[in-house]
Amino acid sequence: MDLGLVQAAAQALLDAGVRREVVIHFEAGAMVLEKEGPVHYQRSLNLPQGFIAGATGAGDAFAAGYLHGTHEGWPVAERLKLGVCAAAMCLTHSTPSQGLGRVDECWELGERLGFRE
């Protein structure tokens, strides 16, 4: 994934009128570009072979994790981390939501698997 292209796409959305921030989630991680701030990037988790039971709902799980952090007033970096952890946890089941767990379980998964280099 070319992060320069992702950032350019985010910038194009800001230039088109997005008021605050653009959040882009993709297989390798996620990026946030703030209107009046820096670029934030978070790599996805190191998933072992055979980890993925299904991908339906992973994007929604990422969004839920990111929005939870926003609601709680967390910094962007922490919101992104929870988002990628929630997305990865969602991959553990073939349905859109049965793999998703509590926030503490998402954090634990991230700690256990670590993040891509």
PDB file of N, CA and C in Angstrom:
ATOM      1  N   MET A   1       0.857  -1.181   0.000  1.00  0.00           N
ATOM      2  CA  MET A   1       0.000   0.000   0.000  1.00  0.00           C
ATOM      3  C   MET A   1       0.892   1.229   0.000  1.00  0.00           C
ATOM      4  N   ASP A   2       0.649   2.115  -0.941  1.00  0.00           N
ATOM      5  CA  ASP A   2       1.402   3.359  -1.048  1.00  0.00           C
ATOM      6  C   ASP A   2       0.745   4.396  -0.138  1.00  0.00           C
ATOM      7  N   LEU A   3       1.379   4.678   0.996  1.00  0.00           N
ATOM      8  CA  LEU A   3       0.803   5.619   1.962  1.00  0.00           C
ATOM      9  C   LEU A   3       0.704   7.028   1.391  1.00  0.00           C
ATOM     10  N   GLY A   4       1.594   7.351   0.443  1.00  0.00           N
ATOM     11  CA  GLY A   4       1.507   8.653  -0.210  1.00  0.00           C
ATOM     12  C   GLY A   4       0.207   8.812  -0.981  1.00  0.00           C
ATOM     13  N   LEU A   5      -0.230   7.734  -1.634  1.00  0.00           N
ATOM     14  CA  LEU A   5      -1.501   7.772  -2.364  1.00  0.00           C
ATOM     15  C   LEU A   5      -2.690   7.879  -1.410  1.00  0.00           C
ATOM     16  N   VAL A   6      -2.606   7.177  -0.287  1.00  0.00           N
ATOM     17  CA  VAL A   6      -3.678   7.254   0.715  1.00  0.00           C
ATOM     18  C   VAL A   6      -3.771   8.679   1.256  1.00  0.00           C
ATOM     19  N   GLN A   7      -2.629   9.252   1.573  1.00  0.00           N
ATOM     20  CA  GLN A   7      -2.614  10.620   2.092  1.00  0.00           C
ATOM     21  C   GLN A   7      -3.136  11.607   1.044  1.00  0.00           C
ATOM     22  N   ALA A   8      -2.772  11.403  -0.210  1.00  0.00           N
ATOM     23  CA  ALA A   8      -3.254  12.284  -1.280  1.00  0.00           C
ATOM     24  C   ALA A   8      -4.775  12.189  -1.410  1.00  0.00           C
ATOM     25  N   ALA A   9      -5.320  10.988  -1.288  1.00  0.00           N
ATOM     26  CA  ALA A   9      -6.772  10.812  -1.348  1.00  0.00           C
ATOM     27  C   ALA A   9      -7.440  11.527  -0.179  1.00  0.00           C
ATOM     28  N   ALA A  10      -6.855  11.388   1.011  1.00  0.00           N
ATOM     29  CA  ALA A  10      -7.397  12.073   2.194  1.00  0.00           C
ATOM     30  C   ALA A  10      -7.348  13.588   2.005  1.00  0.00           C
ATOM     31  N   GLN A  11      -6.247  14.082   1.462  1.00  0.00           N
ATOM     32  CA  GLN A  11      -6.112  15.524   1.231  1.00  0.00           C
ATOM     33  C   GLN A  11      -7.141  16.013   0.214  1.00  0.00           C
ATOM     34  N   ALA A  12      -7.383  15.213  -0.812  1.00  0.00           N
ATOM     35  CA  ALA A  12      -8.384  15.579  -1.819  1.00  0.00           C
ATOM     36  C   ALA A  12      -9.768  15.702  -1.183  1.00  0.00           C
ATOM     37  N   LEU A  13     -10.071  14.815  -0.239  1.00  0.00           N
ATOM     38  CA  LEU A  13     -11.366  14.899   0.449  1.00  0.00           C
ATOM     39  C   LEU A  13     -11.446  16.143   1.323  1.00  0.00           C
ATOM     40  N   LEU A  14     -10.353  16.464   2.012  1.00  0.00           N
ATOM     41  CA  LEU A  14     -10.331  17.696   2.802  1.00  0.00           C
ATOM     42  C   LEU A  14     -10.510  18.908   1.893  1.00  0.00           C
ATOM     43  N   ASP A  15      -9.804  18.903   0.776  1.00  0.00           N
ATOM     44  CA  ASP A  15      -9.892  20.016  -0.174  1.00  0.00           C
ATOM     45  C   ASP A  15     -11.291  20.148  -0.765  1.00  0.00           C
ATOM     46  N   ALA A  16     -12.021  19.038  -0.833  1.00  0.00           N
ATOM     47  CA  ALA A  16     -13.380  19.043  -1.385  1.00  0.00           C
ATOM     48  C   ALA A  16     -14.418  19.512  -0.371  1.00  0.00           C
ATOM     49  N   GLY A  17     -13.991  19.730   0.879  1.00  0.00           N
ATOM     50  CA  GLY A  17     -14.931  20.291   1.840  1.00  0.00           C
ATOM     51  C   GLY A  17     -15.116  19.557   3.147  1.00  0.00           C
ATOM     52  N   VAL A  18     -14.444  18.418   3.336  1.00  0.00           N
ATOM     53  CA  VAL A  18     -14.538  17.760   4.645  1.00  0.00           C
ATOM     54  C   VAL A  18     -14.021  18.750   5.690  1.00  0.00           C
ATOM     55  N   ARG A  19     -14.740  18.917   6.771  1.00  0.00           N
ATOM     56  CA  ARG A  19     -14.443  20.006   7.699  1.00  0.00           C
ATOM     57  C   ARG A  19     -13.409  19.701   8.770  1.00  0.00           C
ATOM     58  N   ARG A  20     -13.303  18.468   9.215  1.00  0.00           N
ATOM     59  CA  ARG A  20     -12.465  18.203  10.383  1.00  0.00           C
ATOM     60  C   ARG A  20     -11.340  17.219  10.118  1.00  0.00           C
ATOM     61  N   GLU A  21     -11.699  16.002   9.705  1.00  0.00           N
ATOM     62  CA  GLU A  21     -10.685  14.971   9.488  1.00  0.00           C
ATOM     63  C   GLU A  21     -11.210  13.923   8.523  1.00  0.00           C
ATOM     64  N   VAL A  22     -10.269  13.271   7.853  1.00  0.00           N
ATOM     65  CA  VAL A  22     -10.590  12.163   6.970  1.00  0.00           C
ATOM     66  C   VAL A  22      -9.946  10.917   7.567  1.00  0.00           C
ATOM     67  N   VAL A  23     -10.733   9.866   7.718  1.00  0.00           N
ATOM     68  CA  VAL A  23     -10.258   8.595   8.264  1.00  0.00           C
ATOM     69  C   VAL A  23     -10.375   7.556   7.155  1.00  0.00           C
ATOM     70  N   ILE A  24      -9.253   6.903   6.844  1.00  0.00           N
ATOM     71  CA  ILE A  24      -9.250   5.867   5.811  1.00  0.00           C
ATOM     72  C   ILE A  24      -8.711   4.579   6.426  1.00  0.00           C
ATOM     73  N   HIS A  25      -9.500   3.507   6.315  1.00  0.00           N
ATOM     74  CA  HIS A  25      -9.129   2.192   6.846  1.00  0.00           C
ATOM     75  C   HIS A  25      -8.889   1.258   5.672  1.00  0.00           C
ATOM     76  N   PHE A  26      -7.818   0.501   5.722  1.00  0.00           N
ATOM     77  CA  PHE A  26      -7.480  -0.436   4.659  1.00  0.00           C
ATOM     78  C   PHE A  26      -6.759  -1.619   5.290  1.00  0.00           C
ATOM     79  N   GLU A  27      -6.515  -2.657   4.523  1.00  0.00           N
ATOM     80  CA  GLU A  27      -5.969  -3.904   5.056  1.00  0.00           C
ATOM     81  C   GLU A  27      -4.687  -3.713   5.858  1.00  0.00           C
ATOM     82  N   ALA A  28      -3.805  -2.857   5.414  1.00  0.00           N
ATOM     83  CA  ALA A  28      -2.507  -2.676   6.088  1.00  0.00           C
ATOM     84  C   ALA A  28      -2.585  -1.774   7.306  1.00  0.00           C
ATOM     85  N   GLY A  29      -3.702  -1.090   7.509  1.00  0.00           N
ATOM     86  CA  GLY A  29      -3.817  -0.206   8.661  1.00  0.00           C
ATOM     87  C   GLY A  29      -4.875   0.856   8.446  1.00  0.00           C
ATOM     88  N   ALA A  30      -4.604   2.043   8.989  1.00  0.00           N
ATOM     89  CA  ALA A  30      -5.547   3.157   8.877  1.00  0.00           C
ATOM     90  C   ALA A  30      -4.789   4.470   8.976  1.00  0.00           C
ATOM     91  N   MET A  31      -5.363   5.490   8.371  1.00  0.00           N
ATOM     92  CA  MET A  31      -4.753   6.807   8.374  1.00  0.00           C
ATOM     93  C   MET A  31      -5.810   7.860   8.675  1.00  0.00           C
ATOM     94  N   VAL A  32      -5.394   8.883   9.423  1.00  0.00           N
ATOM     95  CA  VAL A  32      -6.242  10.045   9.667  1.00  0.00           C
ATOM     96  C   VAL A  32      -5.452  11.274   9.241  1.00  0.00           C
ATOM     97  N   LEU A  33      -6.113  12.116   8.461  1.00  0.00           N
ATOM     98  CA  LEU A  33      -5.542  13.410   8.102  1.00  0.00           C
ATOM     99  C   LEU A  33      -6.489  14.462   8.650  1.00  0.00           C
ATOM    100  N   GLU A  34      -5.982  15.266   9.567  1.00  0.00           N
ATOM    101  CA  GLU A  34      -6.787  16.316  10.180  1.00  0.00           C
ATOM    102  C   GLU A  34      -6.685  17.599   9.367  1.00  0.00           C
ATOM    103  N   LYS A  35      -7.761  18.355   9.330  1.00  0.00           N
ATOM    104  CA  LYS A  35      -7.789  19.626   8.599  1.00  0.00           C
ATOM    105  C   LYS A  35      -6.706  20.566   9.120  1.00  0.00           C
ATOM    106  N   GLU A  36      -6.581  20.663  10.408  1.00  0.00           N
ATOM    107  CA  GLU A  36      -5.611  21.571  11.026  1.00  0.00           C
ATOM    108  C   GLU A  36      -4.603  20.804  11.875  1.00  0.00           C
ATOM    109  N   GLY A  37      -4.152  19.676  11.376  1.00  0.00           N
ATOM    110  CA  GLY A  37      -3.234  18.884  12.182  1.00  0.00           C
ATOM    111  C   GLY A  37      -2.403  17.940  11.346  1.00  0.00           C
ATOM    112  N   PRO A  38      -1.716  17.043  12.019  1.00  0.00           N
ATOM    113  CA  PRO A  38      -0.806  16.134  11.333  1.00  0.00           C
ATOM    114  C   PRO A  38      -1.516  14.926  10.720  1.00  0.00           C
ATOM    115  N   VAL A  39      -0.725  14.129  10.027  1.00  0.00           N
ATOM    116  CA  VAL A  39      -1.173  12.840   9.512  1.00  0.00           C
ATOM    117  C   VAL A  39      -0.896  11.803  10.599  1.00  0.00           C
ATOM    118  N   HIS A  40      -1.847  10.925  10.839  1.00  0.00           N
ATOM    119  CA  HIS A  40      -1.680   9.841  11.795  1.00  0.00           C
ATOM    120  C   HIS A  40      -1.819   8.527  11.039  1.00  0.00           C
ATOM    121  N   TYR A  41      -0.943   7.575  11.330  1.00  0.00           N
ATOM    122  CA  TYR A  41      -0.996   6.271  10.672  1.00  0.00           C
ATOM    123  C   TYR A  41      -0.841   5.178  11.713  1.00  0.00           C
ATOM    124  N   GLN A  42      -1.652   4.138  11.600  1.00  0.00           N
ATOM    125  CA  GLN A  42      -1.560   2.986  12.484  1.00  0.00           C
ATOM    126  C   GLN A  42      -1.560   1.726  11.644  1.00  0.00           C
ATOM    127  N   ARG A  43      -0.538   0.908  11.815  1.00  0.00           N
ATOM    128  CA  ARG A  43      -0.480  -0.371  11.091  1.00  0.00           C
ATOM    129  C   ARG A  43      -1.469  -1.356  11.709  1.00  0.00           C
ATOM    130  N   SER A  44      -1.913  -2.304  10.897  1.00  0.00           N
ATOM    131  CA  SER A  44      -2.824  -3.342  11.372  1.00  0.00           C
ATOM    132  C   SER A  44      -2.053  -4.387  12.187  1.00  0.00           C
ATOM    133  N   LEU A  45      -2.793  -5.313  12.765  1.00  0.00           N
ATOM    134  CA  LEU A  45      -2.185  -6.336  13.618  1.00  0.00           C
ATOM    135  C   LEU A  45      -1.480  -7.414  12.801  1.00  0.00           C
ATOM    136  N   ASN A  46      -0.493  -8.049  13.418  1.00  0.00           N
ATOM    137  CA  ASN A  46       0.173  -9.224  12.838  1.00  0.00           C
ATOM    138  C   ASN A  46      -0.764 -10.411  13.011  1.00  0.00           C
ATOM    139  N   LEU A  47      -1.403 -10.810  11.949  1.00  0.00           N
ATOM    140  CA  LEU A  47      -2.365 -11.908  12.040  1.00  0.00           C
ATOM    141  C   LEU A  47      -1.698 -13.218  11.660  1.00  0.00           C
ATOM    142  N   PRO A  48      -1.799 -14.221  12.515  1.00  0.00           N
ATOM    143  CA  PRO A  48      -1.203 -15.521  12.191  1.00  0.00           C
ATOM    144  C   PRO A  48      -1.967 -16.218  11.065  1.00  0.00           C
ATOM    145  N   GLN A  49      -1.303 -17.146  10.428  1.00  0.00           N
ATOM    146  CA  GLN A  49      -1.921 -17.950   9.363  1.00  0.00           C
ATOM    147  C   GLN A  49      -3.209 -18.579   9.884  1.00  0.00           C
ATOM    148  N   GLY A  50      -4.273 -18.511   9.107  1.00  0.00           N
ATOM    149  CA  GLY A  50      -5.542 -19.132   9.472  1.00  0.00           C
ATOM    150  C   GLY A  50      -6.387 -18.320  10.441  1.00  0.00           C
ATOM    151  N   PHE A  51      -5.975 -17.108  10.773  1.00  0.00           N
ATOM    152  CA  PHE A  51      -6.679 -16.282  11.752  1.00  0.00           C
ATOM    153  C   PHE A  51      -8.040 -15.818  11.234  1.00  0.00           C
ATOM    154  N   ILE A  52      -8.116 -15.503   9.954  1.00  0.00           N
ATOM    155  CA  ILE A  52      -9.310 -14.867   9.397  1.00  0.00           C
ATOM    156  C   ILE A  52     -10.378 -15.910   9.067  1.00  0.00           C
ATOM    157  N   ALA A  53     -11.520 -15.785   9.761  1.00  0.00           N
ATOM    158  CA  ALA A  53     -12.665 -16.657   9.488  1.00  0.00           C
ATOM    159  C   ALA A  53     -13.640 -15.982   8.526  1.00  0.00           C
ATOM    160  N   GLY A  54     -13.577 -14.670   8.453  1.00  0.00           N
ATOM    161  CA  GLY A  54     -14.435 -13.895   7.558  1.00  0.00           C
ATOM    162  C   GLY A  54     -14.120 -12.424   7.724  1.00  0.00           C
ATOM    163  N   ALA A  55     -14.328 -11.646   6.664  1.00  0.00           N
ATOM    164  CA  ALA A  55     -13.986 -10.225   6.716  1.00  0.00           C
ATOM    165  C   ALA A  55     -15.204  -9.311   6.762  1.00  0.00           C
ATOM    166  N   THR A  56     -16.380  -9.874   6.636  1.00  0.00           N
ATOM    167  CA  THR A  56     -17.581  -9.052   6.657  1.00  0.00           C
ATOM    168  C   THR A  56     -17.719  -8.378   8.019  1.00  0.00           C
ATOM    169  N   GLY A  57     -17.851  -7.073   8.002  1.00  0.00           N
ATOM    170  CA  GLY A  57     -18.031  -6.322   9.238  1.00  0.00           C
ATOM    171  C   GLY A  57     -16.763  -5.716   9.802  1.00  0.00           C
ATOM    172  N   ALA A  58     -15.599  -6.058   9.258  1.00  0.00           N
ATOM    173  CA  ALA A  58     -14.346  -5.536   9.818  1.00  0.00           C
ATOM    174  C   ALA A  58     -14.253  -4.019   9.694  1.00  0.00           C
ATOM    175  N   GLY A  59     -14.702  -3.474   8.583  1.00  0.00           N
ATOM    176  CA  GLY A  59     -14.689  -2.017   8.422  1.00  0.00           C
ATOM    177  C   GLY A  59     -15.612  -1.332   9.405  1.00  0.00           C
ATOM    178  N   ASP A  60     -16.773  -1.923   9.618  1.00  0.00           N
ATOM    179  CA  ASP A  60     -17.714  -1.374  10.599  1.00  0.00           C
ATOM    180  C   ASP A  60     -17.139  -1.471  12.015  1.00  0.00           C
ATOM    181  N   ALA A  61     -16.461  -2.576  12.306  1.00  0.00           N
ATOM    182  CA  ALA A  61     -15.837  -2.736  13.623  1.00  0.00           C
ATOM    183  C   ALA A  61     -14.745  -1.684  13.814  1.00  0.00           C
ATOM    184  N   PHE A  62     -13.952  -1.432  12.760  1.00  0.00           N
ATOM    185  CA  PHE A  62     -12.942  -0.374  12.840  1.00  0.00           C
ATOM    186  C   PHE A  62     -13.620   0.957  13.177  1.00  0.00           C
ATOM    187  N   ALA A  63     -14.679   1.280  12.434  1.00  0.00           N
ATOM    188  CA  ALA A  63     -15.383   2.547  12.658  1.00  0.00           C
ATOM    189  C   ALA A  63     -15.926   2.634  14.084  1.00  0.00           C
ATOM    190  N   ALA A  64     -16.478   1.534  14.585  1.00  0.00           N
ATOM    191  CA  ALA A  64     -17.010   1.529  15.951  1.00  0.00           C
ATOM    192  C   ALA A  64     -15.909   1.785  16.971  1.00  0.00           C
ATOM    193  N   GLY A  65     -14.750   1.152  16.780  1.00  0.00           N
ATOM    194  CA  GLY A  65     -13.629   1.387  17.690  1.00  0.00           C
ATOM    195  C   GLY A  65     -13.141   2.821  17.631  1.00  0.00           C
ATOM    196  N   TYR A  66     -13.016   3.361  16.422  1.00  0.00           N
ATOM    197  CA  TYR A  66     -12.555   4.736  16.261  1.00  0.00           C
ATOM    198  C   TYR A  66     -13.554   5.712  16.892  1.00  0.00           C
ATOM    199  N   LEU A  67     -14.838   5.501  16.636  1.00  0.00           N
ATOM    200  CA  LEU A  67     -15.857   6.390  17.192  1.00  0.00           C
ATOM    201  C   LEU A  67     -15.965   6.267  18.712  1.00  0.00           C
ATOM    202  N   HIS A  68     -15.742   5.075  19.242  1.00  0.00           N
ATOM    203  CA  HIS A  68     -15.731   4.916  20.701  1.00  0.00           C
ATOM    204  C   HIS A  68     -14.638   5.800  21.302  1.00  0.00           C
ATOM    205  N   GLY A  69     -13.458   5.740  20.705  1.00  0.00           N
ATOM    206  CA  GLY A  69     -12.364   6.575  21.190  1.00  0.00           C
ATOM    207  C   GLY A  69     -12.660   8.061  21.064  1.00  0.00           C
ATOM    208  N   THR A  70     -13.335   8.436  19.984  1.00  0.00           N
ATOM    209  CA  THR A  70     -13.735   9.836  19.804  1.00  0.00           C
ATOM    210  C   THR A  70     -14.690  10.248  20.918  1.00  0.00           C
ATOM    211  N   HIS A  71     -15.670   9.395  21.183  1.00  0.00           N
ATOM    212  CA  HIS A  71     -16.642   9.662  22.253  1.00  0.00           C
ATOM    213  C   HIS A  71     -15.953   9.823  23.602  1.00  0.00           C
ATOM    214  N   GLU A  72     -14.928   9.018  23.825  1.00  0.00           N
ATOM    215  CA  GLU A  72     -14.220   9.049  25.105  1.00  0.00           C
ATOM    216  C   GLU A  72     -13.186  10.181  25.184  1.00  0.00           C
ATOM    217  N   GLY A  73     -12.984  10.895  24.079  1.00  0.00           N
ATOM    218  CA  GLY A  73     -12.043  12.010  24.073  1.00  0.00           C
ATOM    219  C   GLY A  73     -10.587  11.592  23.953  1.00  0.00           C
ATOM    220  N   TRP A  74     -10.336  10.396  23.416  1.00  0.00           N
ATOM    221  CA  TRP A  74      -8.970   9.890  23.280  1.00  0.00           C
ATOM    222  C   TRP A  74      -8.231  10.614  22.152  1.00  0.00           C
ATOM    223  N   PRO A  75      -6.907  10.646  22.224  1.00  0.00           N
ATOM    224  CA  PRO A  75      -6.126  11.165  21.102  1.00  0.00           C
ATOM    225  C   PRO A  75      -6.319  10.296  19.861  1.00  0.00           C
ATOM    226  N   VAL A  76      -6.087  10.888  18.701  1.00  0.00           N
ATOM    227  CA  VAL A  76      -6.280  10.182  17.435  1.00  0.00           C
ATOM    228  C   VAL A  76      -5.504   8.870  17.397  1.00  0.00           C
ATOM    229  N   ALA A  77      -4.270   8.860  17.874  1.00  0.00           N
ATOM    230  CA  ALA A  77      -3.449   7.639  17.830  1.00  0.00           C
ATOM    231  C   ALA A  77      -4.121   6.490  18.576  1.00  0.00           C
ATOM    232  N   GLU A  78      -4.727   6.759  19.712  1.00  0.00           N
ATOM    233  CA  GLU A  78      -5.397   5.709  20.482  1.00  0.00           C
ATOM    234  C   GLU A  78      -6.684   5.261  19.794  1.00  0.00           C
ATOM    235  N   ARG A  79      -7.388   6.191  19.182  1.00  0.00           N
ATOM    236  CA  ARG A  79      -8.602   5.829  18.438  1.00  0.00           C
ATOM    237  C   ARG A  79      -8.261   4.875  17.293  1.00  0.00           C
ATOM    238  N   LEU A  80      -7.179   5.196  16.573  1.00  0.00           N
ATOM    239  CA  LEU A  80      -6.760   4.341  15.463  1.00  0.00           C
ATOM    240  C   LEU A  80      -6.365   2.952  15.953  1.00  0.00           C
ATOM    241  N   LYS A  81      -5.643   2.886  17.063  1.00  0.00           N
ATOM    242  CA  LYS A  81      -5.236   1.585  17.603  1.00  0.00           C
ATOM    243  C   LYS A  81      -6.449   0.742  17.951  1.00  0.00           C
ATOM    244  N   LEU A  82      -7.401   1.335  18.650  1.00  0.00           N
ATOM    245  CA  LEU A  82      -8.597   0.565  19.001  1.00  0.00           C
ATOM    246  C   LEU A  82      -9.334   0.146  17.740  1.00  0.00           C
ATOM    247  N   GLY A  83      -9.401   1.022  16.762  1.00  0.00           N
ATOM    248  CA  GLY A  83     -10.082   0.690  15.511  1.00  0.00           C
ATOM    249  C   GLY A  83      -9.478  -0.523  14.822  1.00  0.00           C
ATOM    250  N   VAL A  84      -8.150  -0.557  14.687  1.00  0.00           N
ATOM    251  CA  VAL A  84      -7.544  -1.709  14.001  1.00  0.00           C
ATOM    252  C   VAL A  84      -7.642  -2.971  14.857  1.00  0.00           C
ATOM    253  N   CYS A  85      -7.619  -2.823  16.179  1.00  0.00           N
ATOM    254  CA  CYS A  85      -7.790  -3.996  17.048  1.00  0.00           C
ATOM    255  C   CYS A  85      -9.212  -4.546  16.933  1.00  0.00           C
ATOM    256  N   ALA A  86     -10.198  -3.664  16.901  1.00  0.00           N
ATOM    257  CA  ALA A  86     -11.591  -4.101  16.763  1.00  0.00           C
ATOM    258  C   ALA A  86     -11.811  -4.771  15.405  1.00  0.00           C
ATOM    259  N   ALA A  87     -11.230  -4.199  14.350  1.00  0.00           N
ATOM    260  CA  ALA A  87     -11.363  -4.799  13.021  1.00  0.00           C
ATOM    261  C   ALA A  87     -10.773  -6.198  13.007  1.00  0.00           C
ATOM    262  N   ALA A  88      -9.583  -6.348  13.607  1.00  0.00           N
ATOM    263  CA  ALA A  88      -8.943  -7.670  13.640  1.00  0.00           C
ATOM    264  C   ALA A  88      -9.769  -8.665  14.440  1.00  0.00           C
ATOM    265  N   MET A  89     -10.333  -8.226  15.550  1.00  0.00           N
ATOM    266  CA  MET A  89     -11.133  -9.130  16.361  1.00  0.00           C
ATOM    267  C   MET A  89     -12.363  -9.599  15.588  1.00  0.00           C
ATOM    268  N   CYS A  90     -12.928  -8.712  14.783  1.00  0.00           N
ATOM    269  CA  CYS A  90     -14.093  -9.057  13.983  1.00  0.00           C
ATOM    270  C   CYS A  90     -13.782 -10.168  12.985  1.00  0.00           C
ATOM    271  N   LEU A  91     -12.538 -10.247  12.547  1.00  0.00           N
ATOM    272  CA  LEU A  91     -12.129 -11.253  11.564  1.00  0.00           C
ATOM    273  C   LEU A  91     -12.157 -12.683  12.108  1.00  0.00           C
ATOM    274  N   THR A  92     -12.315 -12.836  13.419  1.00  0.00           N
ATOM    275  CA  THR A  92     -12.264 -14.163  14.031  1.00  0.00           C
ATOM    276  C   THR A  92     -13.543 -14.982  13.841  1.00  0.00           C
ATOM    277  N   HIS A  93     -14.569 -14.388  13.240  1.00  0.00           N
ATOM    278  CA  HIS A  93     -15.834 -15.099  13.039  1.00  0.00           C
ATOM    279  C   HIS A  93     -16.362 -14.795  11.643  1.00  0.00           C
ATOM    280  N   SER A  94     -17.084 -15.730  11.062  1.00  0.00           N
ATOM    281  CA  SER A  94     -17.580 -15.550   9.695  1.00  0.00           C
ATOM    282  C   SER A  94     -18.765 -14.584   9.595  1.00  0.00           C
ATOM    283  N   THR A  95     -19.395 -14.266  10.725  1.00  0.00           N
ATOM    284  CA  THR A  95     -20.519 -13.321  10.698  1.00  0.00           C
ATOM    285  C   THR A  95     -19.987 -11.895  10.865  1.00  0.00           C
ATOM    286  N   PRO A  96     -20.814 -10.891  10.590  1.00  0.00           N
ATOM    287  CA  PRO A  96     -20.339  -9.518  10.681  1.00  0.00           C
ATOM    288  C   PRO A  96     -20.028  -9.016  12.090  1.00  0.00           C
ATOM    289  N   SER A  97     -20.571  -9.651  13.129  1.00  0.00           N
ATOM    290  CA  SER A  97     -20.383  -9.067  14.458  1.00  0.00           C
ATOM    291  C   SER A  97     -20.056 -10.052  15.585  1.00  0.00           C
ATOM    292  N   GLN A  98     -20.190 -11.336  15.378  1.00  0.00           N
ATOM    293  CA  GLN A  98     -20.008 -12.266  16.494  1.00  0.00           C
ATOM    294  C   GLN A  98     -18.560 -12.388  16.952  1.00  0.00           C
ATOM    295  N   GLY A  99     -17.616 -11.990  16.131  1.00  0.00           N
ATOM    296  CA  GLY A  99     -16.218 -12.030  16.553  1.00  0.00           C
ATOM    297  C   GLY A  99     -15.820 -10.856  17.415  1.00  0.00           C
ATOM    298  N   LEU A 100     -16.577  -9.776  17.350  1.00  0.00           N
ATOM    299  CA  LEU A 100     -16.231  -8.563  18.080  1.00  0.00           C
ATOM    300  C   LEU A 100     -16.471  -8.735  19.572  1.00  0.00           C
ATOM    301  N   GLY A 101     -15.534  -8.232  20.364  1.00  0.00           N
ATOM    302  CA  GLY A 101     -15.646  -8.330  21.816  1.00  0.00           C
ATOM    303  C   GLY A 101     -15.650  -6.959  22.471  1.00  0.00           C
ATOM    304  N   ARG A 102     -15.485  -6.963  23.774  1.00  0.00           N
ATOM    305  CA  ARG A 102     -15.433  -5.728  24.548  1.00  0.00           C
ATOM    306  C   ARG A 102     -14.149  -4.958  24.231  1.00  0.00           C
ATOM    307  N   VAL A 103     -14.113  -3.695  24.616  1.00  0.00           N
ATOM    308  CA  VAL A 103     -12.944  -2.848  24.371  1.00  0.00           C
ATOM    309  C   VAL A 103     -11.688  -3.471  24.978  1.00  0.00           C
ATOM    310  N   ASP A 104     -11.774  -3.970  26.203  1.00  0.00           N
ATOM    311  CA  ASP A 104     -10.589  -4.550  26.845  1.00  0.00           C
ATOM    312  C   ASP A 104     -10.105  -5.793  26.096  1.00  0.00           C
ATOM    313  N   GLU A 105     -11.021  -6.545  25.501  1.00  0.00           N
ATOM    314  CA  GLU A 105     -10.638  -7.717  24.716  1.00  0.00           C
ATOM    315  C   GLU A 105      -9.948  -7.305  23.414  1.00  0.00           C
ATOM    316  N   CYS A 106     -10.408  -6.214  22.821  1.00  0.00           N
ATOM    317  CA  CYS A 106      -9.756  -5.695  21.612  1.00  0.00           C
ATOM    318  C   CYS A 106      -8.325  -5.262  21.926  1.00  0.00           C
ATOM    319  N   TRP A 107      -8.140  -4.532  23.032  1.00  0.00           N
ATOM    320  CA  TRP A 107      -6.794  -4.107  23.441  1.00  0.00           C
ATOM    321  C   TRP A 107      -5.897  -5.306  23.691  1.00  0.00           C
ATOM    322  N   GLU A 108      -6.442  -6.329  24.346  1.00  0.00           N
ATOM    323  CA  GLU A 108      -5.659  -7.527  24.661  1.00  0.00           C
ATOM    324  C   GLU A 108      -5.204  -8.224  23.390  1.00  0.00           C
ATOM    325  N   LEU A 109      -6.082  -8.289  22.397  1.00  0.00           N
ATOM    326  CA  LEU A 109      -5.715  -8.907  21.131  1.00  0.00           C
ATOM    327  C   LEU A 109      -4.548  -8.153  20.492  1.00  0.00           C
ATOM    328  N   GLY A 110      -4.601  -6.843  20.520  1.00  0.00           N
ATOM    329  CA  GLY A 110      -3.520  -6.031  19.979  1.00  0.00           C
ATOM    330  C   GLY A 110      -2.200  -6.271  20.712  1.00  0.00           C
ATOM    331  N   GLU A 111      -2.264  -6.364  22.034  1.00  0.00           N
ATOM    332  CA  GLU A 111      -1.064  -6.620  22.820  1.00  0.00           C
ATOM    333  C   GLU A 111      -0.490  -8.005  22.520  1.00  0.00           C
ATOM    334  N   ARG A 112      -1.385  -8.972  22.363  1.00  0.00           N
ATOM    335  CA  ARG A 112      -0.947 -10.355  22.140  1.00  0.00           C
ATOM    336  C   ARG A 112      -0.343 -10.541  20.747  1.00  0.00           C
ATOM    337  N   LEU A 113      -0.954  -9.974  19.729  1.00  0.00           N
ATOM    338  CA  LEU A 113      -0.482 -10.194  18.360  1.00  0.00           C
ATOM    339  C   LEU A 113       0.548  -9.164  17.900  1.00  0.00           C
ATOM    340  N   GLY A 114       0.490  -7.978  18.454  1.00  0.00           N
ATOM    341  CA  GLY A 114       1.387  -6.913  18.026  1.00  0.00           C
ATOM    342  C   GLY A 114       0.959  -6.352  16.677  1.00  0.00           C
ATOM    343  N   PHE A 115       1.656  -5.318  16.258  1.00  0.00           N
ATOM    344  CA  PHE A 115       1.304  -4.612  15.028  1.00  0.00           C
ATOM    345  C   PHE A 115       2.352  -4.861  13.954  1.00  0.00           C
ATOM    346  N   ARG A 116       1.922  -4.802  12.707  1.00  0.00           N
ATOM    347  CA  ARG A 116       2.840  -5.012  11.571  1.00  0.00           C
ATOM    348  C   ARG A 116       3.998  -4.029  11.635  1.00  0.00           C
ATOM    349  N   GLU A 117       5.103  -4.475  11.094  1.00  0.00           N
ATOM    350  CA  GLU A 117       6.290  -3.606  11.029  1.00  0.00           C
ATOM    351  C   GLU A 117       6.138  -2.611   9.910  1.00  0.00           C
TER     352      GLU A 117
END
